[in-house]
Amino acid sequence: MRGFLRQAWGEGWALVGDAGYRTDPITAHGITNALRDAELLVRAIIHSRSLVGYQTERDDLSLEFFEVPDL
């Protein structure tokens, strides 16, 4: 089962966790990734950073979990 990433944000909305990407459930990181993404998003909003940065950081951190089932 291969993972994929969705657009992380748009005007008036943002996705976190499983709503934003798909990973194999064997990794058992669903709630952890959702909480991590929520923290990244809150930091971006509080510090008035672009949500492009949120998406880049989220994508970079999420991609490592795409390879786990192949090990």
C-alpha atoms as a PDB file:
ATOM      1  CA  MET A   1       0.000   0.000   0.000  1.00  0.00           C
ATOM      2  CA  ARG A   2       1.663   3.229  -1.129  1.00  0.00           C
ATOM      3  CA  GLY A   3       1.138   6.562   0.540  1.00  0.00           C
ATOM      4  CA  PHE A   4       0.203   9.860  -1.046  1.00  0.00           C
ATOM      5  CA  LEU A   5       0.052  13.493   0.010  1.00  0.00           C
ATOM      6  CA  ARG A   6      -2.830  15.909  -0.499  1.00  0.00           C
ATOM      7  CA  GLN A   7      -2.666  19.686  -0.742  1.00  0.00           C
ATOM      8  CA  ALA A   8      -2.294  20.692   2.919  1.00  0.00           C
ATOM      9  CA  TRP A   9      -4.151  23.986   2.883  1.00  0.00           C
ATOM     10  CA  GLY A  10      -6.236  26.469   0.948  1.00  0.00           C
ATOM     11  CA  GLU A  11      -8.095  29.671   1.657  1.00  0.00           C
ATOM     12  CA  GLY A  12      -9.930  29.118   4.939  1.00  0.00           C
ATOM     13  CA  TRP A  13      -8.919  25.483   5.477  1.00  0.00           C
ATOM     14  CA  ALA A  14      -6.011  23.194   6.392  1.00  0.00           C
ATOM     15  CA  LEU A  15      -5.623  19.433   6.684  1.00  0.00           C
ATOM     16  CA  VAL A  16      -3.808  17.527   9.433  1.00  0.00           C
ATOM     17  CA  GLY A  17      -3.007  13.854   9.910  1.00  0.00           C
ATOM     18  CA  ASP A  18      -4.852  11.247   7.865  1.00  0.00           C
ATOM     19  CA  ALA A  19      -6.983  13.931   6.225  1.00  0.00           C
ATOM     20  CA  GLY A  20      -3.856  15.268   4.507  1.00  0.00           C
ATOM     21  CA  TYR A  21      -2.068  12.114   3.444  1.00  0.00           C
ATOM     22  CA  ARG A  22      -2.377   8.390   3.342  1.00  0.00           C
ATOM     23  CA  THR A  23       0.097   6.012   4.921  1.00  0.00           C
ATOM     24  CA  ASP A  24      -0.058   2.300   5.492  1.00  0.00           C
ATOM     25  CA  PRO A  25      -1.829   1.601   8.806  1.00  0.00           C
ATOM     26  CA  ILE A  26       0.943  -0.866   9.704  1.00  0.00           C
ATOM     27  CA  THR A  27       3.040   2.164  10.719  1.00  0.00           C
ATOM     28  CA  ALA A  28       0.586   2.861  13.598  1.00  0.00           C
ATOM     29  CA  HIS A  29       1.379   6.583  13.542  1.00  0.00           C
ATOM     30  CA  GLY A  30      -2.074   8.017  12.819  1.00  0.00           C
ATOM     31  CA  ILE A  31      -2.760   9.943  16.037  1.00  0.00           C
ATOM     32  CA  THR A  32       0.910  10.855  16.468  1.00  0.00           C
ATOM     33  CA  ASN A  33       1.054  12.373  12.984  1.00  0.00           C
ATOM     34  CA  ALA A  34      -2.245  14.203  13.486  1.00  0.00           C
ATOM     35  CA  LEU A  35      -0.993  15.803  16.704  1.00  0.00           C
ATOM     36  CA  ARG A  36       2.363  16.642  15.090  1.00  0.00           C
ATOM     37  CA  ASP A  37       0.631  18.279  12.118  1.00  0.00           C
ATOM     38  CA  ALA A  38      -1.689  20.234  14.415  1.00  0.00           C
ATOM     39  CA  GLU A  39       1.339  21.565  16.299  1.00  0.00           C
ATOM     40  CA  LEU A  40       3.105  22.533  13.050  1.00  0.00           C
ATOM     41  CA  LEU A  41      -0.040  24.290  11.834  1.00  0.00           C
ATOM     42  CA  VAL A  42      -0.563  26.205  15.089  1.00  0.00           C
ATOM     43  CA  ARG A  43       3.064  27.355  15.069  1.00  0.00           C
ATOM     44  CA  ALA A  44       2.724  28.568  11.485  1.00  0.00           C
ATOM     45  CA  ILE A  45      -0.452  30.502  12.348  1.00  0.00           C
ATOM     46  CA  ILE A  46       0.886  32.000  15.604  1.00  0.00           C
ATOM     47  CA  HIS A  47       4.099  33.148  13.948  1.00  0.00           C
ATOM     48  CA  SER A  48       2.240  34.433  10.865  1.00  0.00           C
ATOM     49  CA  ARG A  49       4.255  32.157   8.611  1.00  0.00           C
ATOM     50  CA  SER A  50       3.091  31.085   5.212  1.00  0.00           C
ATOM     51  CA  LEU A  51       1.161  27.842   5.140  1.00  0.00           C
ATOM     52  CA  VAL A  52       3.438  26.833   2.276  1.00  0.00           C
ATOM     53  CA  GLY A  53       6.070  26.330   4.982  1.00  0.00           C
ATOM     54  CA  TYR A  54       3.615  24.218   6.989  1.00  0.00           C
ATOM     55  CA  GLN A  55       2.988  22.014   3.971  1.00  0.00           C
ATOM     56  CA  THR A  56       6.683  21.632   3.182  1.00  0.00           C
ATOM     57  CA  GLU A  57       7.563  20.644   6.742  1.00  0.00           C
ATOM     58  CA  ARG A  58       4.561  18.312   7.022  1.00  0.00           C
ATOM     59  CA  ASP A  59       5.399  16.642   3.708  1.00  0.00           C
ATOM     60  CA  ASP A  60       9.074  16.184   4.591  1.00  0.00           C
ATOM     61  CA  LEU A  61       8.229  14.600   7.949  1.00  0.00           C
ATOM     62  CA  SER A  62       5.490  12.400   6.478  1.00  0.00           C
ATOM     63  CA  LEU A  63       7.452  10.970   3.560  1.00  0.00           C
ATOM     64  CA  GLU A  64       9.628   8.835   5.850  1.00  0.00           C
ATOM     65  CA  PHE A  65       6.545   6.826   6.860  1.00  0.00           C
ATOM     66  CA  PHE A  66       5.836   5.918   3.235  1.00  0.00           C
ATOM     67  CA  GLU A  67       8.899   3.644   3.228  1.00  0.00           C
ATOM     68  CA  VAL A  68       8.292   1.836   6.550  1.00  0.00           C
ATOM     69  CA  PRO A  69       6.004  -0.931   5.170  1.00  0.00           C
ATOM     70  CA  ASP A  70       8.654  -1.797   2.564  1.00  0.00           C
ATOM     71  CA  LEU A  71      11.273  -2.669   5.198  1.00  0.00           C
END
